[in-house]
Amino acid sequence: LIMGPSGSGKTTLLREMIPRINRVGTLEGTVCYRGMPIDEVPAGTIGYVGQNPDNQLVCDKVWHELAFGLENIAMPAKTIRNRVAEIATYFGIESWFHKGVAELSGGQKQRVAIAGVVAMEPKCIVMDEPTAMLDPVGRKEVLKTVHKLRKQKNVTVILITHYMEEVVDADKIFVMDHGKVVMEGTPKEIFSRVDELKSYRLDVPQVTIMEDELRKRGLDITKRLLRKEEQVESITNLKQH
């Protein structure tokens, strides 16, 4: 997961990870995937999902959207039909199969956008704030999909987000500021440095803020907590002791 204040360079960095797009042209060095320069990576290996699904969906029907990327890499028609049916079932969107894309909610559109990328069987998906334009229900739908991909299809997800509830399940976090990585570590390592995060103009989970304040007031809270359930258990144990 990559996070940082507006203008820190997150999207610029992410664009450098996507094969065959127009580069910003101001960065030095070479981005490689498994030792291969990014523009030599085979089509479909790295997928991309942006903020606004309306800017990414190009077909009128859901089924055609799922097939679009496969058609572009000249996959045989029979394989496309099988792959599209499999992906629709995997994402639980069979009931939308013949719907018009315009009929879908924002969260549903974003799920279709992700499904269209996953149909190409990428090894890695880069996501630039994919829930930024969604309501809480839509965000929950997309997050559930992301976690399912990581666990069941072993897909690496590189995610940019501003929402703290999306941060706590990351394997590793990189914090950027002014085009540089200024912090890196697991969520618990990163959120143990509350004052430093605030100095980079970043939000901190309410659970972490409360834990930090309780510790400053002398309570013996040694675990780094990220979820409300953990905090309730920790405070209950303190009272019992």
Protein backbone atom coordinates (compact mmCIF):
# COMPACT_ATOMS: atom_id res chain seq x y z
CA LEU A 1 0.00 0.00 0.00
CA ILE A 2 1.24 3.48 -0.89
CA MET A 3 -0.01 6.49 1.03
CA GLY A 4 0.93 10.13 1.34
CA PRO A 5 -0.54 13.64 1.19
CA SER A 6 -1.84 15.13 -2.05
CA GLY A 7 1.05 15.99 -4.37
CA SER A 8 3.47 13.54 -2.75
CA GLY A 9 4.03 11.64 -6.00
CA LYS A 10 1.91 8.53 -5.42
CA THR A 11 0.11 8.53 -8.77
CA THR A 12 3.27 9.52 -10.65
CA LEU A 13 5.06 6.52 -9.15
CA LEU A 14 2.13 4.22 -9.86
CA ARG A 15 2.00 5.26 -13.53
CA GLU A 16 5.62 4.16 -13.88
CA MET A 17 4.53 0.64 -12.89
CA ILE A 18 2.06 0.28 -15.78
CA PRO A 19 3.44 -1.09 -19.08
CA ARG A 20 3.00 0.78 -22.34
CA ILE A 21 1.60 4.09 -21.17
CA ASN A 22 2.84 7.64 -21.68
CA ARG A 23 5.45 8.29 -19.00
CA VAL A 24 5.65 11.53 -17.09
CA GLY A 25 9.18 11.92 -18.46
CA THR A 26 10.73 13.54 -15.39
CA LEU A 27 11.85 10.46 -13.43
CA GLU A 28 15.23 8.77 -13.50
CA GLY A 29 15.95 5.06 -13.40
CA THR A 30 14.20 1.97 -14.73
CA VAL A 31 11.19 0.16 -13.29
CA CYS A 32 11.52 -3.61 -13.58
CA TYR A 33 9.17 -6.51 -12.96
CA ARG A 34 11.01 -9.72 -12.03
CA GLY A 35 14.15 -8.26 -13.56
CA MET A 36 12.41 -7.27 -16.82
CA PRO A 37 12.02 -3.60 -17.89
CA ILE A 38 8.37 -2.69 -17.42
CA ASP A 39 7.61 -2.09 -21.11
CA GLU A 40 8.87 -5.54 -22.02
CA VAL A 41 6.49 -7.30 -19.65
CA PRO A 42 3.94 -9.47 -21.56
CA ALA A 43 0.48 -7.94 -22.03
CA GLY A 44 -1.91 -8.79 -19.23
CA THR A 45 0.79 -9.48 -16.62
CA ILE A 46 0.17 -6.19 -14.82
CA GLY A 47 -3.38 -4.82 -14.61
CA TYR A 48 -4.57 -1.32 -13.72
CA VAL A 49 -7.70 -0.02 -11.98
CA GLY A 50 -8.22 3.72 -11.61
CA GLN A 51 -10.38 5.98 -9.43
CA ASN A 52 -13.33 6.43 -11.75
CA PRO A 53 -14.79 3.29 -13.36
CA ASP A 54 -16.63 5.46 -15.91
CA ASN A 55 -13.22 6.40 -17.33
CA GLN A 56 -12.15 2.75 -17.59
CA LEU A 57 -15.26 0.93 -18.82
CA VAL A 58 -15.59 1.17 -22.59
CA CYS A 59 -18.37 -1.28 -23.56
CA ASP A 60 -22.14 -1.03 -23.29
CA LYS A 61 -22.80 -4.50 -21.79
CA VAL A 62 -21.20 -6.15 -18.78
CA TRP A 63 -20.34 -9.38 -20.63
CA HIS A 64 -18.61 -7.44 -23.40
CA GLU A 65 -16.61 -5.46 -20.85
CA LEU A 66 -15.32 -8.69 -19.33
CA ALA A 67 -14.28 -9.92 -22.78
CA PHE A 68 -12.76 -6.65 -24.00
CA GLY A 69 -9.20 -7.11 -22.71
CA LEU A 70 -9.08 -10.72 -23.88
CA GLU A 71 -10.19 -9.70 -27.37
CA ASN A 72 -7.41 -7.09 -27.46
CA ILE A 73 -4.75 -9.74 -26.89
CA ALA A 74 -6.31 -11.94 -29.61
CA MET A 75 -7.37 -14.80 -27.37
CA PRO A 76 -9.43 -17.50 -29.18
CA ALA A 77 -13.20 -16.95 -29.03
CA LYS A 78 -13.91 -20.22 -27.19
CA THR A 79 -11.31 -19.41 -24.54
CA ILE A 80 -12.81 -15.94 -24.12
CA ARG A 81 -16.30 -17.37 -23.57
CA ASN A 82 -15.03 -19.84 -20.98
CA ARG A 83 -12.90 -17.25 -19.19
CA VAL A 84 -15.69 -14.66 -19.09
CA ALA A 85 -18.18 -17.18 -17.66
CA GLU A 86 -15.62 -18.25 -15.04
CA ILE A 87 -14.85 -14.67 -13.99
CA ALA A 88 -18.53 -13.71 -13.80
CA THR A 89 -19.14 -16.65 -11.45
CA TYR A 90 -16.03 -15.88 -9.38
CA PHE A 91 -17.11 -12.26 -8.84
CA GLY A 92 -20.76 -13.17 -8.32
CA ILE A 93 -21.95 -10.93 -11.12
CA GLU A 94 -23.79 -13.49 -13.27
CA SER A 95 -27.09 -11.69 -12.69
CA TRP A 96 -25.65 -8.53 -14.28
CA PHE A 97 -24.17 -10.38 -17.23
CA HIS A 98 -26.51 -8.94 -19.88
CA LYS A 99 -27.13 -5.62 -18.14
CA GLY A 100 -26.01 -2.33 -19.55
CA VAL A 101 -22.97 -0.89 -17.77
CA ALA A 102 -24.85 2.40 -17.34
CA GLU A 103 -27.46 0.62 -15.17
CA LEU A 104 -24.91 -0.33 -12.49
CA SER A 105 -24.06 1.50 -9.27
CA GLY A 106 -20.58 2.94 -8.73
CA GLY A 107 -19.47 -0.03 -6.63
CA GLN A 108 -20.84 -2.49 -9.18
CA LYS A 109 -19.06 -0.68 -12.02
CA GLN A 110 -15.78 -0.83 -10.14
CA ARG A 111 -16.24 -4.57 -9.54
CA VAL A 112 -16.79 -5.03 -13.28
CA ALA A 113 -13.64 -2.98 -13.99
CA ILE A 114 -11.64 -5.20 -11.62
CA ALA A 115 -13.22 -8.35 -13.07
CA GLY A 116 -12.26 -7.26 -16.60
CA VAL A 117 -8.65 -6.89 -15.47
CA VAL A 118 -8.65 -10.21 -13.59
CA ALA A 119 -10.01 -12.02 -16.66
CA MET A 120 -6.58 -11.48 -18.22
CA GLU A 121 -5.04 -13.40 -15.29
CA PRO A 122 -2.53 -10.73 -14.21
CA LYS A 123 0.15 -11.48 -11.65
CA CYS A 124 -0.07 -7.95 -10.28
CA ILE A 125 -2.78 -5.25 -10.20
CA VAL A 126 -2.02 -1.60 -9.45
CA MET A 127 -4.97 0.36 -8.10
CA ASP A 128 -5.05 4.14 -7.87
CA GLU A 129 -7.61 5.00 -5.17
CA PRO A 130 -10.21 2.58 -6.60
CA THR A 131 -12.76 3.45 -3.90
CA ALA A 132 -12.29 7.25 -3.91
CA MET A 133 -15.54 7.96 -5.79
CA LEU A 134 -17.69 5.32 -4.08
CA ASP A 135 -20.09 5.42 -1.15
CA PRO A 136 -19.37 3.26 1.96
CA VAL A 137 -21.33 0.30 0.54
CA GLY A 138 -19.42 0.47 -2.76
CA ARG A 139 -16.09 0.75 -0.92
CA LYS A 140 -16.92 -2.35 1.10
CA GLU A 141 -17.77 -4.29 -2.08
CA VAL A 142 -14.49 -3.38 -3.75
CA LEU A 143 -12.36 -4.08 -0.65
CA LYS A 144 -13.96 -7.50 -0.28
CA THR A 145 -13.06 -8.20 -3.91
CA VAL A 146 -9.45 -7.09 -3.39
CA HIS A 147 -8.98 -9.35 -0.36
CA LYS A 148 -10.52 -12.27 -2.24
CA LEU A 149 -8.04 -11.78 -5.10
CA ARG A 150 -5.06 -11.72 -2.76
CA LYS A 151 -6.07 -14.85 -0.88
CA GLN A 152 -7.59 -17.04 -3.58
CA LYS A 153 -5.79 -16.06 -6.78
CA ASN A 154 -2.47 -15.06 -5.23
CA VAL A 155 -2.48 -11.70 -7.05
CA THR A 156 -0.17 -8.96 -5.81
CA VAL A 157 -2.14 -5.74 -5.26
CA ILE A 158 -0.39 -2.36 -5.14
CA LEU A 159 -2.92 0.08 -3.75
CA ILE A 160 -3.04 3.84 -3.26
CA THR A 161 -5.67 5.01 -0.79
CA HIS A 162 -6.60 7.76 1.66
CA TYR A 163 -9.03 5.63 3.65
CA MET A 164 -7.60 4.31 6.89
CA GLU A 165 -9.89 1.26 6.99
CA GLU A 166 -8.20 0.11 3.78
CA VAL A 167 -4.73 0.44 5.27
CA VAL A 168 -4.86 -1.93 8.23
CA ASP A 169 -4.88 -5.15 6.17
CA ALA A 170 -1.85 -4.26 4.04
CA ASP A 171 1.22 -6.50 4.16
CA LYS A 172 3.50 -3.49 3.81
CA ILE A 173 3.02 0.28 3.68
CA PHE A 174 5.16 2.90 1.95
CA VAL A 175 4.58 6.54 2.93
CA MET A 176 5.60 9.16 0.37
CA ASP A 177 6.22 12.88 0.67
CA HIS A 178 7.62 15.24 -2.00
CA GLY A 179 8.43 12.37 -4.34
CA LYS A 180 10.38 10.29 -1.82
CA VAL A 181 9.62 7.31 0.41
CA VAL A 182 9.82 8.65 3.96
CA MET A 183 8.44 5.68 5.94
CA GLU A 184 7.99 1.97 5.29
CA GLY A 185 6.88 -0.99 7.37
CA THR A 186 3.90 -3.08 8.43
CA PRO A 187 0.69 -1.29 9.47
CA LYS A 188 1.53 -1.77 13.15
CA GLU A 189 5.04 -0.38 12.63
CA ILE A 190 3.79 2.62 10.65
CA PHE A 191 0.93 3.50 13.00
CA SER A 192 3.16 3.30 16.06
CA ARG A 193 4.65 6.61 14.80
CA VAL A 194 1.54 8.77 15.21
CA ASP A 195 3.27 12.16 15.53
CA GLU A 196 5.46 11.47 12.48
CA LEU A 197 2.43 10.54 10.38
CA LYS A 198 0.69 13.74 11.43
CA SER A 199 3.78 15.72 10.39
CA TYR A 200 3.20 14.40 6.86
CA ARG A 201 -0.41 15.65 7.00
CA LEU A 202 -1.85 12.13 7.08
CA ASP A 203 -4.87 10.82 8.90
CA VAL A 204 -4.39 8.17 11.56
CA PRO A 205 -6.99 5.52 12.51
CA GLN A 206 -9.08 6.67 15.50
CA VAL A 207 -8.19 3.45 17.31
CA THR A 208 -4.49 4.30 16.98
CA ILE A 209 -4.99 7.89 18.18
CA MET A 210 -6.92 6.75 21.24
CA GLU A 211 -4.32 4.10 22.05
CA ASP A 212 -1.54 6.68 21.74
CA GLU A 213 -3.35 9.11 24.08
CA LEU A 214 -4.01 6.37 26.66
CA ARG A 215 -0.37 5.36 26.61
CA LYS A 216 0.73 8.99 27.08
CA ARG A 217 -1.53 9.10 30.15
CA GLY A 218 0.30 6.16 31.70
CA LEU A 219 -1.90 3.18 30.82
CA ASP A 220 0.04 0.00 30.14
CA ILE A 221 -0.99 -0.59 26.54
CA THR A 222 1.94 -2.24 24.81
CA LYS A 223 0.25 -3.84 21.79
CA ARG A 224 -0.15 -1.80 18.62
CA LEU A 225 -3.86 -1.88 17.86
CA LEU A 226 -5.54 -1.17 14.53
CA ARG A 227 -9.11 -2.40 15.02
CA LYS A 228 -11.89 -1.46 17.44
CA GLU A 229 -12.38 -5.07 18.49
CA GLU A 230 -8.72 -5.32 19.53
CA GLN A 231 -8.97 -2.10 21.49
CA VAL A 232 -12.07 -3.18 23.41
CA GLU A 233 -10.34 -6.42 24.36
CA SER A 234 -7.16 -4.59 25.41
CA ILE A 235 -8.99 -2.08 27.65
CA THR A 236 -11.14 -4.84 29.16
CA ASN A 237 -8.00 -6.79 30.08
CA LEU A 238 -6.54 -3.66 31.71
CA LYS A 239 -9.63 -3.27 33.89
CA GLN A 240 -9.48 -6.92 34.91
CA HIS A 241 -5.87 -6.60 36.00
